[in-house]
Each structure stands twice: as C-alpha cells, then as structure tokens.
C-alpha cells in the first residue's frame, strides 16, 4: 500500500501509513510466500512486488486477479492467476 500511495498521492502517504497502523490489521508471520516470491521473481525474471502477490495466491489457495498482462503471460502456467479482462467476461455470462 505504501508503494502505491507514495506514487499516486505522495503528499498524504506518510499520514496514511500512520492510519493503516492504527487499524491494527492482523499480521501473518509466514515467510513461505516471500520465499516463493523470490523464487518466482528469479524464474520469471520479474519484479518481486508482482511475484509476491502471486506467491500469496499460490501458498494460500487464492486466485490472483491481475491487469498486468505481461506478468500473466509469463506466469499463466503456474496457475491461480486470472487476467482482469477474462474475469470481466466471466461475470457477464
């Protein structure tokens, strides 16, 4: 969240981070997804930010919904990934 806030609204990023901290979101202390993200980043030659989201989906049996078609093309074979464009079509049916 911090990365996106800093890029899109740098003037409120620090204050927003403090508000997120006050919400006391539960923290999972499982390094499995991070380790898997590192392997995916190396294997796919892709940025760790993107592979981390996919690793979480793979580790916890979720589906990553992504608009990043470049990443989706590289990682499709790994499963647990759905392009936003394809999800939109499914919801219309």
N, C-alpha and C. Protein backbone atom coordinates (compact mmCIF):
# COMPACT_ATOMS: atom_id res chain seq x y z
N UNK A 1 0.83 -1.18 0.00
CA UNK A 1 0.00 0.00 0.00
C UNK A 1 0.88 1.25 0.00
N UNK A 2 1.97 1.18 0.74
CA UNK A 2 2.84 2.34 0.83
C UNK A 2 3.43 2.71 -0.53
N UNK A 3 3.80 1.71 -1.30
CA UNK A 3 4.40 1.97 -2.61
C UNK A 3 3.41 2.68 -3.53
N UNK A 4 2.17 2.21 -3.54
CA UNK A 4 1.16 2.81 -4.42
C UNK A 4 0.80 4.21 -3.93
N UNK A 5 0.61 4.37 -2.64
CA UNK A 5 0.30 5.69 -2.10
C UNK A 5 1.40 6.70 -2.41
N UNK A 6 2.63 6.29 -2.23
CA UNK A 6 3.75 7.20 -2.47
C UNK A 6 3.82 7.61 -3.93
N UNK A 7 3.47 6.69 -4.82
CA UNK A 7 3.49 7.01 -6.24
C UNK A 7 2.30 7.88 -6.64
N UNK A 8 1.12 7.55 -6.16
CA UNK A 8 -0.09 8.25 -6.60
C UNK A 8 -0.42 9.50 -5.80
N UNK A 9 -0.19 9.47 -4.51
CA UNK A 9 -0.52 10.61 -3.62
C UNK A 9 0.59 10.84 -2.61
N UNK A 10 1.77 11.23 -3.07
CA UNK A 10 2.91 11.37 -2.14
C UNK A 10 2.65 12.35 -1.01
N UNK A 11 1.79 13.32 -1.23
CA UNK A 11 1.54 14.33 -0.20
C UNK A 11 0.79 13.78 1.01
N UNK A 12 0.12 12.63 0.88
CA UNK A 12 -0.61 12.05 2.01
C UNK A 12 -0.08 10.67 2.41
N UNK A 13 0.99 10.22 1.78
CA UNK A 13 1.48 8.86 2.00
C UNK A 13 1.85 8.60 3.46
N UNK A 14 2.66 9.44 4.05
CA UNK A 14 3.10 9.19 5.43
C UNK A 14 1.95 9.20 6.41
N UNK A 15 1.05 10.16 6.28
CA UNK A 15 -0.11 10.23 7.17
C UNK A 15 -1.00 8.99 7.01
N UNK A 16 -1.17 8.56 5.78
CA UNK A 16 -2.00 7.38 5.52
C UNK A 16 -1.40 6.13 6.13
N UNK A 17 -0.09 6.00 6.07
CA UNK A 17 0.58 4.83 6.66
C UNK A 17 0.31 4.80 8.16
N UNK A 18 0.34 5.95 8.81
CA UNK A 18 0.03 6.01 10.24
C UNK A 18 -1.40 5.54 10.50
N UNK A 19 -2.33 5.92 9.63
CA UNK A 19 -3.73 5.48 9.80
C UNK A 19 -3.85 3.97 9.61
N UNK A 20 -3.13 3.42 8.65
CA UNK A 20 -3.15 1.96 8.46
C UNK A 20 -2.66 1.26 9.72
N UNK A 21 -1.62 1.80 10.33
CA UNK A 21 -1.08 1.21 11.55
C UNK A 21 -2.12 1.23 12.67
N UNK A 22 -2.89 2.28 12.77
CA UNK A 22 -3.92 2.37 13.81
C UNK A 22 -5.03 1.34 13.61
N UNK A 23 -5.22 0.87 12.39
CA UNK A 23 -6.27 -0.12 12.13
C UNK A 23 -5.91 -1.50 12.69
N UNK A 24 -4.67 -1.70 13.03
CA UNK A 24 -4.21 -2.96 13.63
C UNK A 24 -4.64 -4.19 12.84
N UNK A 25 -4.29 -4.19 11.55
CA UNK A 25 -4.55 -5.36 10.71
C UNK A 25 -3.81 -6.57 11.27
N UNK A 26 -4.39 -7.75 11.18
CA UNK A 26 -3.67 -8.94 11.63
C UNK A 26 -2.43 -9.16 10.74
N UNK A 27 -1.36 -9.61 11.37
CA UNK A 27 -0.12 -9.85 10.65
C UNK A 27 0.16 -11.34 10.63
N UNK A 28 0.45 -11.86 9.47
CA UNK A 28 0.81 -13.26 9.33
C UNK A 28 2.33 -13.34 9.27
N UNK A 29 2.91 -14.13 10.13
CA UNK A 29 4.37 -14.24 10.17
C UNK A 29 4.81 -15.54 9.52
N UNK A 30 4.48 -15.67 8.25
CA UNK A 30 4.83 -16.86 7.48
C UNK A 30 5.75 -16.42 6.35
N UNK A 31 6.98 -16.87 6.35
CA UNK A 31 7.92 -16.45 5.31
C UNK A 31 7.76 -17.27 4.03
N UNK A 32 6.90 -18.27 4.05
CA UNK A 32 6.70 -19.12 2.86
C UNK A 32 6.37 -18.33 1.60
N UNK A 33 5.38 -17.44 1.65
CA UNK A 33 5.05 -16.67 0.44
C UNK A 33 6.21 -15.79 -0.04
N UNK A 34 6.95 -15.20 0.88
CA UNK A 34 8.07 -14.35 0.48
C UNK A 34 9.17 -15.17 -0.18
N UNK A 35 9.46 -16.33 0.38
CA UNK A 35 10.47 -17.21 -0.23
C UNK A 35 10.02 -17.65 -1.61
N UNK A 36 8.75 -17.99 -1.73
CA UNK A 36 8.23 -18.41 -3.04
C UNK A 36 8.27 -17.25 -4.02
N UNK A 37 7.95 -16.05 -3.57
CA UNK A 37 8.01 -14.87 -4.43
C UNK A 37 9.42 -14.64 -4.96
N UNK A 38 10.41 -14.86 -4.11
CA UNK A 38 11.80 -14.72 -4.55
C UNK A 38 12.13 -15.73 -5.64
N UNK A 39 11.68 -16.97 -5.46
CA UNK A 39 11.92 -17.99 -6.50
C UNK A 39 11.21 -17.61 -7.79
N UNK A 40 9.96 -17.14 -7.68
CA UNK A 40 9.21 -16.75 -8.88
C UNK A 40 9.87 -15.57 -9.59
N UNK A 41 10.34 -14.59 -8.83
CA UNK A 41 10.99 -13.42 -9.42
C UNK A 41 12.21 -13.85 -10.23
N UNK A 42 12.97 -14.76 -9.68
CA UNK A 42 14.16 -15.26 -10.39
C UNK A 42 13.76 -16.08 -11.61
N UNK A 43 12.83 -17.01 -11.42
CA UNK A 43 12.41 -17.90 -12.50
C UNK A 43 11.76 -17.14 -13.66
N UNK A 44 10.94 -16.16 -13.35
CA UNK A 44 10.20 -15.43 -14.38
C UNK A 44 10.90 -14.15 -14.83
N UNK A 45 11.99 -13.81 -14.16
CA UNK A 45 12.70 -12.56 -14.44
C UNK A 45 11.72 -11.38 -14.34
N UNK A 46 11.10 -11.30 -13.17
CA UNK A 46 10.07 -10.29 -12.95
C UNK A 46 10.26 -9.67 -11.57
N UNK A 47 9.68 -8.49 -11.37
CA UNK A 47 9.84 -7.75 -10.11
C UNK A 47 9.18 -8.49 -8.96
N UNK A 48 9.82 -8.42 -7.79
CA UNK A 48 9.33 -9.11 -6.60
C UNK A 48 7.95 -8.64 -6.16
N UNK A 49 7.64 -7.34 -6.35
CA UNK A 49 6.30 -6.87 -5.95
C UNK A 49 5.21 -7.69 -6.62
N UNK A 50 5.33 -7.91 -7.91
CA UNK A 50 4.30 -8.66 -8.65
C UNK A 50 4.30 -10.13 -8.27
N UNK A 51 5.47 -10.72 -8.15
CA UNK A 51 5.53 -12.14 -7.84
C UNK A 51 5.05 -12.41 -6.41
N UNK A 52 5.18 -11.43 -5.53
CA UNK A 52 4.73 -11.65 -4.15
C UNK A 52 3.22 -11.88 -4.10
N UNK A 53 2.46 -11.07 -4.81
CA UNK A 53 1.00 -11.25 -4.83
C UNK A 53 0.62 -12.63 -5.36
N UNK A 54 1.32 -13.05 -6.38
CA UNK A 54 1.04 -14.36 -6.96
C UNK A 54 1.45 -15.46 -5.98
N UNK A 55 2.58 -15.29 -5.31
CA UNK A 55 3.02 -16.28 -4.34
C UNK A 55 2.02 -16.45 -3.21
N UNK A 56 1.43 -15.36 -2.76
CA UNK A 56 0.40 -15.44 -1.71
C UNK A 56 -0.78 -16.26 -2.22
N UNK A 57 -1.20 -16.00 -3.45
CA UNK A 57 -2.31 -16.76 -4.03
C UNK A 57 -1.96 -18.24 -4.11
N UNK A 58 -0.76 -18.56 -4.52
CA UNK A 58 -0.34 -19.95 -4.65
C UNK A 58 -0.23 -20.63 -3.28
N UNK A 59 0.32 -19.93 -2.32
CA UNK A 59 0.53 -20.51 -0.99
C UNK A 59 -0.77 -20.73 -0.22
N UNK A 60 -1.73 -19.83 -0.38
CA UNK A 60 -2.96 -19.88 0.41
C UNK A 60 -4.19 -20.28 -0.39
N UNK A 61 -3.97 -20.77 -1.60
CA UNK A 61 -5.05 -21.26 -2.45
C UNK A 61 -6.07 -20.17 -2.80
N UNK A 62 -5.57 -18.99 -3.16
CA UNK A 62 -6.39 -17.90 -3.67
C UNK A 62 -6.16 -17.78 -5.17
N UNK A 63 -6.85 -16.87 -5.80
CA UNK A 63 -6.60 -16.57 -7.21
C UNK A 63 -6.18 -15.11 -7.31
N UNK A 64 -5.07 -14.88 -7.97
CA UNK A 64 -4.61 -13.52 -8.22
C UNK A 64 -5.35 -12.98 -9.43
N UNK A 65 -6.05 -11.89 -9.23
CA UNK A 65 -6.72 -11.19 -10.31
C UNK A 65 -5.81 -10.04 -10.72
N UNK A 66 -5.35 -10.05 -11.97
CA UNK A 66 -4.36 -9.06 -12.38
C UNK A 66 -4.72 -8.39 -13.70
N UNK A 67 -4.36 -7.12 -13.79
CA UNK A 67 -4.48 -6.38 -15.04
C UNK A 67 -3.13 -6.31 -15.74
N UNK A 68 -2.11 -6.89 -15.12
CA UNK A 68 -0.76 -6.90 -15.68
C UNK A 68 -0.64 -8.07 -16.66
N UNK A 69 -0.97 -7.80 -17.91
CA UNK A 69 -1.00 -8.87 -18.91
C UNK A 69 0.39 -9.39 -19.22
N UNK A 70 1.41 -8.56 -19.06
CA UNK A 70 2.79 -9.01 -19.27
C UNK A 70 3.14 -10.09 -18.24
N UNK A 71 2.82 -9.82 -16.99
CA UNK A 71 3.08 -10.82 -15.95
C UNK A 71 2.21 -12.07 -16.16
N UNK A 72 0.96 -11.87 -16.47
CA UNK A 72 0.05 -13.00 -16.65
C UNK A 72 0.54 -13.94 -17.76
N UNK A 73 1.06 -13.37 -18.81
CA UNK A 73 1.56 -14.18 -19.91
C UNK A 73 2.75 -15.04 -19.45
N UNK A 74 3.62 -14.46 -18.64
CA UNK A 74 4.78 -15.19 -18.15
C UNK A 74 4.41 -16.26 -17.12
N UNK A 75 3.44 -15.96 -16.28
CA UNK A 75 3.16 -16.80 -15.11
C UNK A 75 1.92 -17.67 -15.24
N UNK A 76 1.23 -17.60 -16.34
CA UNK A 76 -0.03 -18.34 -16.51
C UNK A 76 0.09 -19.82 -16.17
N UNK A 77 1.20 -20.43 -16.58
CA UNK A 77 1.39 -21.88 -16.40
C UNK A 77 1.46 -22.29 -14.93
N UNK A 78 1.70 -21.33 -14.03
CA UNK A 78 1.80 -21.64 -12.61
C UNK A 78 0.44 -21.79 -11.94
N UNK A 79 -0.61 -21.30 -12.60
CA UNK A 79 -1.95 -21.41 -12.06
C UNK A 79 -2.28 -20.32 -11.05
N UNK A 80 -3.50 -20.36 -10.53
CA UNK A 80 -4.01 -19.42 -9.52
C UNK A 80 -3.89 -17.97 -9.98
N UNK A 81 -4.13 -17.75 -11.27
CA UNK A 81 -3.98 -16.43 -11.85
C UNK A 81 -5.09 -16.22 -12.87
N UNK A 82 -5.73 -15.07 -12.82
CA UNK A 82 -6.79 -14.75 -13.75
C UNK A 82 -6.61 -13.31 -14.21
N UNK A 83 -6.60 -13.12 -15.51
CA UNK A 83 -6.48 -11.76 -16.04
C UNK A 83 -7.80 -11.02 -15.81
N UNK A 84 -7.70 -9.76 -15.48
CA UNK A 84 -8.88 -8.94 -15.23
C UNK A 84 -9.83 -8.98 -16.42
N UNK A 85 -9.28 -8.93 -17.61
CA UNK A 85 -10.09 -8.98 -18.83
C UNK A 85 -10.92 -10.27 -18.89
N UNK A 86 -10.33 -11.38 -18.50
CA UNK A 86 -11.05 -12.66 -18.52
C UNK A 86 -12.08 -12.75 -17.41
N UNK A 87 -11.79 -12.16 -16.26
CA UNK A 87 -12.76 -12.14 -15.16
C UNK A 87 -13.98 -11.32 -15.54
N UNK A 88 -13.77 -10.20 -16.22
CA UNK A 88 -14.89 -9.36 -16.65
C UNK A 88 -15.83 -10.14 -17.56
N UNK A 89 -15.25 -10.92 -18.43
CA UNK A 89 -16.08 -11.74 -19.34
C UNK A 89 -16.86 -12.78 -18.57
N UNK A 90 -16.24 -13.39 -17.56
CA UNK A 90 -16.93 -14.43 -16.78
C UNK A 90 -18.10 -13.83 -16.01
N UNK A 91 -17.94 -12.63 -15.50
CA UNK A 91 -19.00 -12.02 -14.70
C UNK A 91 -20.19 -11.58 -15.57
N UNK A 92 -19.95 -11.39 -16.87
CA UNK A 92 -21.05 -11.01 -17.77
C UNK A 92 -21.88 -12.20 -18.20
N UNK A 93 -21.32 -13.39 -18.13
CA UNK A 93 -22.00 -14.59 -18.60
C UNK A 93 -23.10 -15.04 -17.64
